[in-house]
Amino acid sequence: MRRYGMVIRLRPEHRETYLRLHAAVWPGVEQTLRDGNIRNFTIFLHGDLLFGYYEYVGDDHDADQRRMADDPQTQAWWKLTDPCQESLAEPGSGTGGPRCGRSGT
C-alpha cells in the first residue's frame, strides 16, 4: 500500500457548493475510486485549505489514474467540483500544483 496526499485551496465563494457536493458524493464516483484501487480517501478542510489523503492498493497508479480520469461520471463530477478549487501554485508559474480530486475525488 502507498499513501498519497495533496493540498489545494477552496474558493470561498464556492465553499457551500463544495460542502454540499461532498456531503453526498455520487455512488458512481465512489465506485470508480474503489475500482481504481483507492481506499480510505479522506478530505480535511482547514480554513480555505483542503488536504486530501488516500491509500493506493494497486500495482499501477498511473494507469489507474488514467482509467479514473476517463470515466464519464467522474468527469461530470469534476466539472462541478473543479470550479470550487484553485491551485496553490503562483499564477504563471507553469505548474498546476497539487490537486485534490484528480488523485482521488
Foldseek 3Di string as FASTA:
>chain_A
DDKDKFKWFFDPVCVVVQVVCVVCPDPVLVVLLVVLQWPPWDWDDDPGMIMIMIDHDDDDLVVSLVVSVPDPVLVVVCVSCVVRTAAPDDVPPPDRGTDPSSSGD
